[in-house]
Amino acid sequence: MRWLCRAVERRFAVLNYLAHLFLSSADPDEQLGSLIADFTRGRLQTLSRIYTPGVMRGIALHRQVDSFTDNHPAVVRSRQRIAAPYRRYSGIILDILYDHFLSRYWYEFSDLDRHAFIRDIYRLLLARRDELPEQLAALVPRMQQEDWFGSYRELAMIERVYQRMSGRLRRPNQLGGAMVEVRRHYAELAQEFRYFFPELMVFVEQQQEQMNQP
């Protein structure tokens, strides 16, 4: 299902950015790489001719996080909870919802002030906008104006995102009504996220240690 998630993500650029930023190190290059990853394709060796080593670490980590997430048993269970006709979009539904859960349970996972973290990311993106892929650079002002990283804490915003994505897909689909399934399984999905995310954090720490080895 990741191919479908990625295809829509590249087109609409609205998925779980906050989680990838949260999981990256405090290095600005790596933070940029965690977002740039959704706007790049191809082998890391090829991309390394374009981007700095720090950005490349962010891109590589983003891909590792996606792979770990897709295969984690708790995430698989969550996808299976989503009933037809929404299940074909379950990866997209969860990607967006995970930024909501991260915002809601932020202080279970971090001592950083969430608002300050998000503010600093916006500043970074604006300051280094000319280093970003064209599509991402064009989105930066809108990201800040609509507070993409902060607003997903509210379920009403998540529902609007589902509806907006549904309306812009070429074929008729049920994605706009996905909040029905989210609300029906909200407690279970939240519990599975809170089980899965600490394990993802440990995995990321291990990957970062390997990347930083001489």
N, C-alpha and C. Protein backbone atom coordinates (compact mmCIF):
# COMPACT_ATOMS: atom_id res chain seq x y z
N MET A 1 0.83 -1.21 0.00
CA MET A 1 0.00 0.00 0.00
C MET A 1 0.87 1.27 0.00
N ARG A 2 2.16 1.12 0.31
CA ARG A 2 3.02 2.31 0.38
C ARG A 2 3.10 3.03 -0.95
N TRP A 3 3.02 2.28 -2.09
CA TRP A 3 3.09 2.97 -3.39
C TRP A 3 1.95 3.96 -3.53
N LEU A 4 0.76 3.60 -3.06
CA LEU A 4 -0.39 4.50 -3.16
C LEU A 4 -0.19 5.69 -2.24
N CYS A 5 0.26 5.42 -1.04
CA CYS A 5 0.53 6.51 -0.09
C CYS A 5 1.52 7.50 -0.67
N ARG A 6 2.59 7.00 -1.24
CA ARG A 6 3.63 7.88 -1.74
C ARG A 6 3.14 8.67 -2.95
N ALA A 7 2.36 8.04 -3.81
CA ALA A 7 1.86 8.75 -4.99
C ALA A 7 0.99 9.93 -4.58
N VAL A 8 0.11 9.70 -3.61
CA VAL A 8 -0.75 10.79 -3.15
C VAL A 8 0.07 11.81 -2.37
N GLU A 9 1.01 11.35 -1.59
CA GLU A 9 1.84 12.25 -0.79
C GLU A 9 2.62 13.21 -1.68
N ARG A 10 3.19 12.69 -2.75
CA ARG A 10 3.96 13.58 -3.64
C ARG A 10 3.05 14.61 -4.27
N ARG A 11 1.79 14.23 -4.52
CA ARG A 11 0.89 15.15 -5.20
C ARG A 11 0.35 16.23 -4.27
N PHE A 12 0.03 15.82 -3.02
CA PHE A 12 -0.64 16.75 -2.12
C PHE A 12 0.25 17.25 -1.00
N ALA A 13 1.32 16.55 -0.69
CA ALA A 13 2.27 16.99 0.31
C ALA A 13 1.60 17.36 1.63
N VAL A 14 0.85 16.45 2.21
CA VAL A 14 0.16 16.75 3.45
C VAL A 14 0.33 15.67 4.51
N LEU A 15 1.26 14.75 4.32
CA LEU A 15 1.30 13.63 5.24
C LEU A 15 2.16 13.90 6.47
N ASN A 16 2.67 12.85 7.09
CA ASN A 16 3.19 12.96 8.45
C ASN A 16 4.56 13.62 8.53
N TYR A 17 4.59 14.88 8.19
CA TYR A 17 5.82 15.66 8.28
C TYR A 17 6.29 15.83 9.72
N LEU A 18 5.35 16.11 10.62
CA LEU A 18 5.75 16.39 11.99
C LEU A 18 6.48 15.21 12.61
N ALA A 19 5.99 14.01 12.37
CA ALA A 19 6.64 12.82 12.93
C ALA A 19 8.06 12.68 12.41
N HIS A 20 8.27 12.89 11.11
CA HIS A 20 9.61 12.76 10.56
C HIS A 20 10.54 13.84 11.11
N LEU A 21 10.04 15.04 11.27
CA LEU A 21 10.85 16.11 11.86
C LEU A 21 11.19 15.79 13.31
N PHE A 22 10.22 15.31 14.04
CA PHE A 22 10.42 14.95 15.44
C PHE A 22 11.50 13.89 15.58
N LEU A 23 11.51 12.92 14.69
CA LEU A 23 12.44 11.80 14.78
C LEU A 23 13.84 12.13 14.29
N SER A 24 13.98 13.19 13.54
CA SER A 24 15.31 13.57 13.06
C SER A 24 16.11 14.17 14.22
N SER A 25 17.41 14.27 14.03
CA SER A 25 18.24 14.90 15.05
C SER A 25 18.02 16.41 15.03
N ALA A 26 18.71 17.12 15.92
CA ALA A 26 18.59 18.58 15.97
C ALA A 26 19.39 19.26 14.88
N ASP A 27 20.11 18.48 14.06
CA ASP A 27 20.90 19.06 12.98
C ASP A 27 19.98 19.63 11.91
N PRO A 28 20.08 20.92 11.59
CA PRO A 28 19.18 21.52 10.59
C PRO A 28 19.21 20.81 9.24
N ASP A 29 20.38 20.38 8.80
CA ASP A 29 20.46 19.68 7.52
C ASP A 29 19.63 18.39 7.56
N GLU A 30 19.75 17.66 8.65
CA GLU A 30 19.00 16.41 8.75
C GLU A 30 17.50 16.68 8.82
N GLN A 31 17.12 17.76 9.49
CA GLN A 31 15.70 18.12 9.54
C GLN A 31 15.18 18.44 8.14
N LEU A 32 15.95 19.19 7.39
CA LEU A 32 15.55 19.48 6.01
C LEU A 32 15.44 18.18 5.20
N GLY A 33 16.40 17.30 5.38
CA GLY A 33 16.39 16.04 4.65
C GLY A 33 15.17 15.20 4.96
N SER A 34 14.67 15.29 6.20
CA SER A 34 13.51 14.50 6.56
C SER A 34 12.27 14.93 5.80
N LEU A 35 12.23 16.19 5.36
CA LEU A 35 11.12 16.67 4.52
C LEU A 35 11.42 16.50 3.04
N ILE A 36 12.65 16.79 2.66
CA ILE A 36 13.04 16.68 1.26
C ILE A 36 12.81 15.26 0.74
N ALA A 37 12.91 14.27 1.63
CA ALA A 37 12.78 12.87 1.22
C ALA A 37 11.50 12.60 0.46
N ASP A 38 10.42 13.29 0.81
CA ASP A 38 9.15 13.05 0.13
C ASP A 38 9.09 13.69 -1.26
N PHE A 39 10.11 14.44 -1.61
CA PHE A 39 10.12 15.14 -2.90
C PHE A 39 11.30 14.67 -3.75
N THR A 40 11.87 13.53 -3.39
CA THR A 40 13.00 12.99 -4.14
C THR A 40 12.73 11.53 -4.46
N ARG A 41 13.32 11.09 -5.53
CA ARG A 41 13.26 9.68 -5.91
C ARG A 41 14.66 9.27 -6.33
N GLY A 42 14.86 7.98 -6.36
CA GLY A 42 16.14 7.47 -6.83
C GLY A 42 17.04 6.99 -5.71
N ARG A 43 18.19 6.50 -6.09
CA ARG A 43 19.14 5.91 -5.16
C ARG A 43 19.83 7.00 -4.34
N LEU A 44 20.17 6.62 -3.11
CA LEU A 44 20.86 7.57 -2.23
C LEU A 44 22.20 8.01 -2.83
N GLN A 45 22.87 7.08 -3.47
CA GLN A 45 24.17 7.42 -4.06
C GLN A 45 24.02 8.52 -5.10
N THR A 46 22.94 8.48 -5.86
CA THR A 46 22.71 9.51 -6.86
C THR A 46 22.35 10.83 -6.21
N LEU A 47 21.48 10.78 -5.20
CA LEU A 47 21.05 12.00 -4.52
C LEU A 47 22.20 12.67 -3.78
N SER A 48 23.20 11.89 -3.38
CA SER A 48 24.33 12.45 -2.63
C SER A 48 25.16 13.41 -3.47
N ARG A 49 24.97 13.38 -4.77
CA ARG A 49 25.67 14.34 -5.63
C ARG A 49 25.01 15.72 -5.58
N ILE A 50 23.79 15.76 -5.05
CA ILE A 50 23.01 16.99 -5.02
C ILE A 50 22.99 17.61 -3.62
N TYR A 51 22.87 16.75 -2.60
CA TYR A 51 22.62 17.23 -1.24
C TYR A 51 23.82 17.00 -0.32
N THR A 52 23.87 17.77 0.75
CA THR A 52 24.94 17.66 1.74
C THR A 52 24.83 16.35 2.50
N PRO A 53 25.91 15.93 3.16
CA PRO A 53 25.84 14.69 3.96
C PRO A 53 24.74 14.73 5.03
N GLY A 54 24.54 15.90 5.64
CA GLY A 54 23.49 16.00 6.65
C GLY A 54 22.11 15.81 6.08
N VAL A 55 21.84 16.44 4.94
CA VAL A 55 20.55 16.25 4.27
C VAL A 55 20.38 14.79 3.87
N MET A 56 21.43 14.17 3.40
CA MET A 56 21.35 12.77 3.00
C MET A 56 21.04 11.87 4.19
N ARG A 57 21.58 12.19 5.36
CA ARG A 57 21.23 11.40 6.54
C ARG A 57 19.73 11.51 6.82
N GLY A 58 19.19 12.72 6.65
CA GLY A 58 17.75 12.91 6.86
C GLY A 58 16.92 12.13 5.86
N ILE A 59 17.34 12.13 4.60
CA ILE A 59 16.61 11.39 3.56
C ILE A 59 16.67 9.89 3.85
N ALA A 60 17.88 9.40 4.16
CA ALA A 60 18.04 7.97 4.43
C ALA A 60 17.22 7.55 5.64
N LEU A 61 17.24 8.36 6.70
CA LEU A 61 16.48 8.02 7.90
C LEU A 61 14.98 8.02 7.62
N HIS A 62 14.52 8.97 6.83
CA HIS A 62 13.10 9.02 6.46
C HIS A 62 12.68 7.70 5.80
N ARG A 63 13.47 7.21 4.90
CA ARG A 63 13.14 5.96 4.21
C ARG A 63 13.15 4.78 5.18
N GLN A 64 14.09 4.77 6.10
CA GLN A 64 14.15 3.69 7.09
C GLN A 64 12.94 3.74 8.01
N VAL A 65 12.54 4.93 8.40
CA VAL A 65 11.36 5.09 9.25
C VAL A 65 10.12 4.57 8.54
N ASP A 66 9.97 4.91 7.27
CA ASP A 66 8.81 4.44 6.51
C ASP A 66 8.76 2.91 6.45
N SER A 67 9.91 2.30 6.22
CA SER A 67 9.97 0.85 6.12
C SER A 67 9.64 0.20 7.46
N PHE A 68 10.21 0.72 8.53
CA PHE A 68 9.95 0.18 9.87
C PHE A 68 8.47 0.31 10.20
N THR A 69 7.90 1.47 9.89
CA THR A 69 6.50 1.73 10.21
C THR A 69 5.58 0.79 9.45
N ASP A 70 5.81 0.64 8.16
CA ASP A 70 4.95 -0.19 7.33
C ASP A 70 4.89 -1.63 7.82
N ASN A 71 5.98 -2.10 8.42
CA ASN A 71 6.08 -3.51 8.79
C ASN A 71 5.86 -3.77 10.28
N HIS A 72 5.60 -2.73 11.04
CA HIS A 72 5.43 -2.94 12.48
C HIS A 72 4.07 -3.60 12.74
N PRO A 73 4.03 -4.63 13.59
CA PRO A 73 2.76 -5.34 13.83
C PRO A 73 1.62 -4.45 14.32
N ALA A 74 1.92 -3.45 15.14
CA ALA A 74 0.86 -2.56 15.64
C ALA A 74 0.27 -1.73 14.51
N VAL A 75 1.11 -1.31 13.58
CA VAL A 75 0.64 -0.52 12.43
C VAL A 75 -0.18 -1.41 11.50
N VAL A 76 0.28 -2.63 11.30
CA VAL A 76 -0.47 -3.59 10.47
C VAL A 76 -1.85 -3.81 11.08
N ARG A 77 -1.93 -3.98 12.40
CA ARG A 77 -3.23 -4.16 13.06
C ARG A 77 -4.12 -2.93 12.85
N SER A 78 -3.53 -1.76 12.96
CA SER A 78 -4.31 -0.54 12.77
C SER A 78 -4.86 -0.45 11.36
N ARG A 79 -4.04 -0.79 10.37
CA ARG A 79 -4.54 -0.76 8.99
C ARG A 79 -5.69 -1.73 8.81
N GLN A 80 -5.59 -2.89 9.46
CA GLN A 80 -6.63 -3.90 9.31
C GLN A 80 -7.94 -3.49 9.97
N ARG A 81 -7.89 -2.57 10.88
CA ARG A 81 -9.12 -2.09 11.52
C ARG A 81 -9.96 -1.25 10.55
N ILE A 82 -9.30 -0.63 9.58
CA ILE A 82 -10.00 0.25 8.65
C ILE A 82 -10.80 -0.60 7.67
N ALA A 83 -12.10 -0.42 7.68
CA ALA A 83 -12.98 -1.26 6.86
C ALA A 83 -13.10 -0.73 5.44
N ALA A 84 -13.51 -1.61 4.54
CA ALA A 84 -13.85 -1.19 3.17
C ALA A 84 -15.04 -0.23 3.27
N PRO A 85 -15.10 0.77 2.40
CA PRO A 85 -14.25 1.04 1.23
C PRO A 85 -13.05 1.93 1.52
N TYR A 86 -12.67 2.08 2.80
CA TYR A 86 -11.59 2.98 3.15
C TYR A 86 -10.23 2.28 3.24
N ARG A 87 -10.24 0.94 3.30
CA ARG A 87 -9.00 0.24 3.61
C ARG A 87 -7.92 0.47 2.57
N ARG A 88 -8.27 0.63 1.33
CA ARG A 88 -7.23 0.83 0.31
C ARG A 88 -6.45 2.12 0.58
N TYR A 89 -7.02 3.02 1.37
CA TYR A 89 -6.36 4.26 1.74
C TYR A 89 -5.86 4.23 3.19
N SER A 90 -5.81 3.05 3.78
CA SER A 90 -5.48 2.97 5.20
C SER A 90 -4.10 3.53 5.52
N GLY A 91 -3.16 3.35 4.60
CA GLY A 91 -1.83 3.91 4.84
C GLY A 91 -1.85 5.42 4.91
N ILE A 92 -2.60 6.05 4.00
CA ILE A 92 -2.73 7.50 4.00
C ILE A 92 -3.47 7.96 5.26
N ILE A 93 -4.54 7.27 5.59
CA ILE A 93 -5.34 7.63 6.76
C ILE A 93 -4.47 7.62 8.02
N LEU A 94 -3.66 6.59 8.18
CA LEU A 94 -2.83 6.49 9.37
C LEU A 94 -1.68 7.47 9.35
N ASP A 95 -1.08 7.68 8.19
CA ASP A 95 0.02 8.65 8.10
C ASP A 95 -0.42 10.00 8.65
N ILE A 96 -1.57 10.45 8.23
CA ILE A 96 -2.08 11.75 8.67
C ILE A 96 -2.46 11.69 10.14
N LEU A 97 -3.11 10.62 10.53
CA LEU A 97 -3.56 10.49 11.91
C LEU A 97 -2.39 10.42 12.89
N TYR A 98 -1.26 9.88 12.46
CA TYR A 98 -0.12 9.76 13.36
C TYR A 98 0.44 11.13 13.75
N ASP A 99 0.36 12.11 12.87
CA ASP A 99 0.76 13.45 13.27
C ASP A 99 -0.20 14.00 14.33
N HIS A 100 -1.46 13.65 14.23
CA HIS A 100 -2.44 14.03 15.25
C HIS A 100 -2.08 13.39 16.59
N PHE A 101 -1.82 12.10 16.58
CA PHE A 101 -1.48 11.41 17.82
C PHE A 101 -0.17 11.94 18.41
N LEU A 102 0.81 12.19 17.55
CA LEU A 102 2.07 12.73 18.05
C LEU A 102 1.84 14.08 18.73
N SER A 103 1.04 14.93 18.12
CA SER A 103 0.74 16.23 18.73
C SER A 103 0.00 16.05 20.05
N ARG A 104 -0.94 15.14 20.08
CA ARG A 104 -1.75 14.95 21.28
C ARG A 104 -0.94 14.38 22.43
N TYR A 105 -0.04 13.44 22.12
CA TYR A 105 0.74 12.77 23.17
C TYR A 105 2.19 13.22 23.19
N TRP A 106 2.46 14.38 22.65
CA TRP A 106 3.82 14.90 22.49
C TRP A 106 4.67 14.74 23.73
N TYR A 107 4.11 15.11 24.88
CA TYR A 107 4.93 15.16 26.10
C TYR A 107 5.11 13.79 26.74
N GLU A 108 4.55 12.76 26.15
CA GLU A 108 4.93 11.40 26.52
C GLU A 108 6.26 11.02 25.90
N PHE A 109 6.61 11.69 24.83
CA PHE A 109 7.78 11.31 24.04
C PHE A 109 8.91 12.34 24.08
N SER A 110 8.64 13.54 24.56
CA SER A 110 9.65 14.60 24.47
C SER A 110 9.47 15.62 25.58
N ASP A 111 10.60 16.21 26.00
CA ASP A 111 10.58 17.33 26.95
C ASP A 111 10.60 18.67 26.21
N LEU A 112 10.74 18.63 24.90
CA LEU A 112 10.76 19.86 24.13
C LEU A 112 9.37 20.49 24.10
N ASP A 113 9.33 21.81 24.09
CA ASP A 113 8.06 22.51 23.94
C ASP A 113 7.58 22.35 22.49
N ARG A 114 6.39 21.83 22.33
CA ARG A 114 5.90 21.53 20.98
C ARG A 114 5.77 22.79 20.14
N HIS A 115 5.23 23.85 20.71
CA HIS A 115 5.03 25.08 19.95
C HIS A 115 6.38 25.68 19.53
N ALA A 116 7.35 25.65 20.43
CA ALA A 116 8.67 26.19 20.10
C ALA A 116 9.35 25.35 19.02
N PHE A 117 9.19 24.03 19.10
CA PHE A 117 9.76 23.15 18.09
C PHE A 117 9.20 23.48 16.72
N ILE A 118 7.89 23.61 16.63
CA ILE A 118 7.25 23.90 15.36
C ILE A 118 7.64 25.28 14.85
N ARG A 119 7.69 26.24 15.73
CA ARG A 119 8.10 27.60 15.34
C ARG A 119 9.49 27.59 14.74
N ASP A 120 10.42 26.85 15.36
CA ASP A 120 11.79 26.80 14.87
C ASP A 120 11.87 26.11 13.51
N ILE A 121 11.03 25.12 13.27
CA ILE A 121 11.02 24.44 11.97
C ILE A 121 10.55 25.41 10.89
N TYR A 122 9.52 26.17 11.15
CA TYR A 122 9.07 27.15 10.16
C TYR A 122 10.18 28.15 9.85
N ARG A 123 10.87 28.60 10.86
CA ARG A 123 11.98 29.54 10.65
C ARG A 123 13.07 28.92 9.79
N LEU A 124 13.38 27.67 10.05
CA LEU A 124 14.40 26.97 9.27
C LEU A 124 13.99 26.87 7.81
N LEU A 125 12.76 26.48 7.56
CA LEU A 125 12.29 26.32 6.19
C LEU A 125 12.28 27.65 5.44
N LEU A 126 11.88 28.71 6.11
CA LEU A 126 11.87 30.02 5.45
C LEU A 126 13.28 30.51 5.18
N ALA A 127 14.19 30.27 6.12
CA ALA A 127 15.57 30.75 5.97
C ALA A 127 16.32 30.00 4.87
N ARG A 128 15.96 28.75 4.64
CA ARG A 128 16.71 27.93 3.68
C ARG A 128 15.82 27.43 2.55
N ARG A 129 14.82 28.22 2.26
CA ARG A 129 13.84 27.84 1.25
C ARG A 129 14.48 27.63 -0.11
N ASP A 130 15.52 28.38 -0.43
CA ASP A 130 16.14 28.27 -1.74
C ASP A 130 16.93 26.98 -1.91
N GLU A 131 17.12 26.21 -0.84
CA GLU A 131 17.82 24.93 -0.92
C GLU A 131 16.87 23.75 -1.10
N LEU A 132 15.57 24.03 -1.08
CA LEU A 132 14.58 22.96 -1.12
C LEU A 132 14.18 22.66 -2.55
N PRO A 133 13.70 21.44 -2.81
CA PRO A 133 13.12 21.14 -4.12
C PRO A 133 12.00 22.12 -4.43
N GLU A 134 11.82 22.43 -5.69
CA GLU A 134 10.90 23.49 -6.10
C GLU A 134 9.49 23.29 -5.53
N GLN A 135 8.98 22.07 -5.58
CA GLN A 135 7.61 21.82 -5.10
C GLN A 135 7.50 22.08 -3.61
N LEU A 136 8.48 21.64 -2.84
CA LEU A 136 8.46 21.87 -1.40
C LEU A 136 8.65 23.34 -1.08
N ALA A 137 9.55 24.00 -1.77
CA ALA A 137 9.78 25.43 -1.53
C ALA A 137 8.52 26.24 -1.76
N ALA A 138 7.75 25.86 -2.77
CA ALA A 138 6.52 26.59 -3.08
C ALA A 138 5.47 26.43 -1.98
N LEU A 139 5.56 25.33 -1.23
CA LEU A 139 4.58 25.06 -0.19
C LEU A 139 4.90 25.71 1.14
N VAL A 140 6.14 26.12 1.35
CA VAL A 140 6.58 26.60 2.66
C VAL A 140 5.71 27.74 3.20
N PRO A 141 5.42 28.81 2.42
CA PRO A 141 4.57 29.87 2.97
C PRO A 141 3.20 29.38 3.40
N ARG A 142 2.63 28.46 2.61
CA ARG A 142 1.32 27.92 2.95
C ARG A 142 1.40 27.07 4.21
N MET A 143 2.48 26.29 4.33
CA MET A 143 2.67 25.48 5.54
C MET A 143 2.61 26.35 6.79
N GLN A 144 3.33 27.47 6.74
CA GLN A 144 3.36 28.34 7.91
C GLN A 144 2.02 29.04 8.11
N GLN A 145 1.46 29.56 7.04
CA GLN A 145 0.21 30.31 7.16
C GLN A 145 -0.91 29.44 7.72
N GLU A 146 -1.00 28.19 7.27
CA GLU A 146 -2.06 27.29 7.72
C GLU A 146 -1.63 26.43 8.90
N ASP A 147 -0.39 26.62 9.34
CA ASP A 147 0.17 25.89 10.48
C ASP A 147 -0.02 24.38 10.32
N TRP A 148 0.54 23.84 9.24
CA TRP A 148 0.39 22.42 8.97
C TRP A 148 0.91 21.57 10.13
N PHE A 149 2.04 21.96 10.71
CA PHE A 149 2.66 21.12 11.73
C PHE A 149 1.92 21.17 13.06
N GLY A 150 1.26 22.26 13.32
CA GLY A 150 0.57 22.41 14.60
C GLY A 150 -0.91 22.07 14.56
N SER A 151 -1.55 22.26 13.41
CA SER A 151 -3.01 22.17 13.36
C SER A 151 -3.54 20.75 13.39
N TYR A 152 -2.70 19.76 13.10
CA TYR A 152 -3.19 18.38 13.07
C TYR A 152 -3.55 17.85 14.45
N ARG A 153 -3.29 18.61 15.47
CA ARG A 153 -3.71 18.19 16.81
C ARG A 153 -5.23 18.12 16.91
N GLU A 154 -5.92 18.89 16.06
CA GLU A 154 -7.37 18.93 16.09
C GLU A 154 -7.94 17.94 15.07
N LEU A 155 -8.86 17.10 15.52
CA LEU A 155 -9.46 16.12 14.62
C LEU A 155 -10.22 16.78 13.47
N ALA A 156 -10.77 17.96 13.72
CA ALA A 156 -11.49 18.66 12.66
C ALA A 156 -10.57 18.95 11.48
N MET A 157 -9.31 19.26 11.76
CA MET A 157 -8.34 19.51 10.68
C MET A 157 -8.02 18.22 9.94
N ILE A 158 -7.89 17.13 10.67
CA ILE A 158 -7.63 15.85 10.02
C ILE A 158 -8.76 15.51 9.05
N GLU A 159 -9.97 15.74 9.49
CA GLU A 159 -11.12 15.46 8.62
C GLU A 159 -11.09 16.32 7.37
N ARG A 160 -10.72 17.58 7.52
CA ARG A 160 -10.65 18.48 6.35
C ARG A 160 -9.57 18.02 5.38
N VAL A 161 -8.48 17.51 5.91
CA VAL A 161 -7.41 17.02 5.04
C VAL A 161 -7.89 15.81 4.24
N TYR A 162 -8.57 14.87 4.89
CA TYR A 162 -9.12 13.72 4.17
C TYR A 162 -10.06 14.19 3.05
N GLN A 163 -10.92 15.15 3.37
CA GLN A 163 -11.89 15.62 2.38
C GLN A 163 -11.20 16.34 1.23
N ARG A 164 -10.19 17.12 1.55
CA ARG A 164 -9.48 17.85 0.50
C ARG A 164 -8.74 16.88 -0.43
N MET A 165 -8.12 15.88 0.14
CA MET A 165 -7.40 14.91 -0.68
C MET A 165 -8.38 14.10 -1.53
N SER A 166 -9.51 13.74 -0.97
CA SER A 166 -10.52 12.99 -1.70
C SER A 166 -11.02 13.77 -2.92
N GLY A 167 -11.27 15.05 -2.72
CA GLY A 167 -11.80 15.87 -3.80
C GLY A 167 -10.83 16.10 -4.93
N ARG A 168 -9.56 15.90 -4.68
CA ARG A 168 -8.56 16.17 -5.70
C ARG A 168 -8.03 14.92 -6.39
N LEU A 169 -8.47 13.75 -5.92
CA LEU A 169 -8.11 12.52 -6.62
C LEU A 169 -8.93 12.40 -7.90
N ARG A 170 -8.34 11.78 -8.91
CA ARG A 170 -8.98 11.72 -10.22
C ARG A 170 -10.22 10.83 -10.19
N ARG A 171 -10.16 9.72 -9.49
CA ARG A 171 -11.25 8.76 -9.51
C ARG A 171 -12.15 8.95 -8.30
N PRO A 172 -13.43 8.62 -8.43
CA PRO A 172 -14.34 8.67 -7.28
C PRO A 172 -13.80 7.79 -6.15
N ASN A 173 -13.89 8.25 -4.94
CA ASN A 173 -13.32 7.52 -3.81
C ASN A 173 -14.07 7.89 -2.53
N GLN A 174 -13.79 7.14 -1.48
CA GLN A 174 -14.46 7.34 -0.19
C GLN A 174 -13.56 7.96 0.86
N LEU A 175 -12.38 8.42 0.45
CA LEU A 175 -11.41 8.92 1.42
C LEU A 175 -11.97 10.06 2.27
N GLY A 176 -12.81 10.89 1.67
CA GLY A 176 -13.36 12.04 2.40
C GLY A 176 -14.19 11.65 3.61
N GLY A 177 -14.69 10.43 3.62
CA GLY A 177 -15.48 9.96 4.74
C GLY A 177 -14.72 9.12 5.74
N ALA A 178 -13.40 9.11 5.64
CA ALA A 178 -12.58 8.23 6.46
C ALA A 178 -12.68 8.52 7.95
N MET A 179 -13.10 9.74 8.31
CA MET A 179 -13.19 10.06 9.72
C MET A 179 -14.20 9.17 10.44
N VAL A 180 -15.15 8.61 9.70
CA VAL A 180 -16.09 7.65 10.30
C VAL A 180 -15.32 6.48 10.91
N GLU A 181 -14.36 5.94 10.17
CA GLU A 181 -13.56 4.83 10.66
C GLU A 181 -12.60 5.27 11.76
N VAL A 182 -12.04 6.45 11.62
CA VAL A 182 -11.12 6.97 12.64
C VAL A 182 -11.85 7.10 13.97
N ARG A 183 -13.03 7.69 13.95
CA ARG A 183 -13.78 7.88 15.20
C ARG A 183 -14.23 6.53 15.77
N ARG A 184 -14.57 5.61 14.90
CA ARG A 184 -15.06 4.31 15.37
C ARG A 184 -13.97 3.53 16.09
N HIS A 185 -12.72 3.69 15.63
CA HIS A 185 -11.61 2.92 16.21
C HIS A 185 -10.59 3.83 16.91
N TYR A 186 -11.00 5.02 17.25
CA TYR A 186 -10.03 6.02 17.73
C TYR A 186 -9.23 5.51 18.92
N ALA A 187 -9.89 4.96 19.91
CA ALA A 187 -9.20 4.52 21.12
C ALA A 187 -8.17 3.43 20.80
N GLU A 188 -8.56 2.47 19.97
CA GLU A 188 -7.64 1.38 19.62
C GLU A 188 -6.47 1.90 18.78
N LEU A 189 -6.75 2.78 17.84
CA LEU A 189 -5.68 3.34 17.00
C LEU A 189 -4.71 4.16 17.84
N ALA A 190 -5.23 4.91 18.78
CA ALA A 190 -4.36 5.69 19.66
C ALA A 190 -3.49 4.78 20.52
N GLN A 191 -4.08 3.73 21.05
CA GLN A 191 -3.33 2.79 21.87
C GLN A 191 -2.22 2.12 21.07
N GLU A 192 -2.52 1.73 19.85
CA GLU A 192 -1.51 1.09 19.01
C GLU A 192 -0.41 2.06 18.63
N PHE A 193 -0.75 3.32 18.40
CA PHE A 193 0.28 4.31 18.14
C PHE A 193 1.20 4.48 19.35
N ARG A 194 0.62 4.55 20.53
CA ARG A 194 1.41 4.76 21.74
C ARG A 194 2.29 3.55 22.06
N TYR A 195 1.92 2.40 21.56
CA TYR A 195 2.76 1.21 21.69
C TYR A 195 3.87 1.21 20.65
N PHE A 196 3.49 1.57 19.44
CA PHE A 196 4.43 1.51 18.31
C PHE A 196 5.49 2.62 18.35
N PHE A 197 5.08 3.85 18.68
CA PHE A 197 5.98 4.99 18.49
C PHE A 197 7.23 4.92 19.36
N PRO A 198 7.17 4.53 20.63
CA PRO A 198 8.42 4.39 21.39
C PRO A 198 9.39 3.39 20.76
N GLU A 199 8.86 2.33 20.18
CA GLU A 199 9.74 1.37 19.51
C GLU A 199 10.36 1.98 18.27
N LEU A 200 9.61 2.81 17.57
CA LEU A 200 10.17 3.53 16.42
C LEU A 200 11.27 4.48 16.88
N MET A 201 11.08 5.14 18.00
CA MET A 201 12.11 6.05 18.52
C MET A 201 13.41 5.31 18.83
N VAL A 202 13.29 4.12 19.40
CA VAL A 202 14.48 3.31 19.68
C VAL A 202 15.16 2.91 18.38
N PHE A 203 14.37 2.49 17.41
CA PHE A 203 14.92 2.13 16.10
C PHE A 203 15.67 3.31 15.48
N VAL A 204 15.09 4.48 15.54
CA VAL A 204 15.72 5.67 14.97
C VAL A 204 17.04 5.97 15.68
N GLU A 205 17.04 5.86 16.99
CA GLU A 205 18.28 6.11 17.74
C GLU A 205 19.37 5.15 17.31
N GLN A 206 19.02 3.90 17.09
CA GLN A 206 20.01 2.92 16.63
C GLN A 206 20.53 3.26 15.24
N GLN A 207 19.63 3.68 14.35
CA GLN A 207 20.05 4.04 13.00
C GLN A 207 20.95 5.26 13.00
N GLN A 208 20.64 6.23 13.85
CA GLN A 208 21.46 7.43 13.92
C GLN A 208 22.85 7.12 14.47
N GLU A 209 22.92 6.21 15.43
CA GLU A 209 24.23 5.81 15.95
C GLU A 209 25.07 5.16 14.87
N GLN A 210 24.44 4.33 14.04
CA GLN A 210 25.17 3.68 12.95
C GLN A 210 25.64 4.71 11.92
N MET A 211 24.78 5.68 11.61
CA MET A 211 25.14 6.70 10.64
C MET A 211 26.32 7.55 11.12
N ASN A 212 26.41 7.74 12.41
CA ASN A 212 27.44 8.62 12.96
C ASN A 212 28.75 7.91 13.26
N GLN A 213 28.78 6.60 13.03
CA GLN A 213 30.01 5.88 13.25
C GLN A 213 31.03 6.25 12.17
N PRO A 214 32.31 6.40 12.56
CA PRO A 214 33.33 6.76 11.55
C PRO A 214 33.55 5.62 10.55
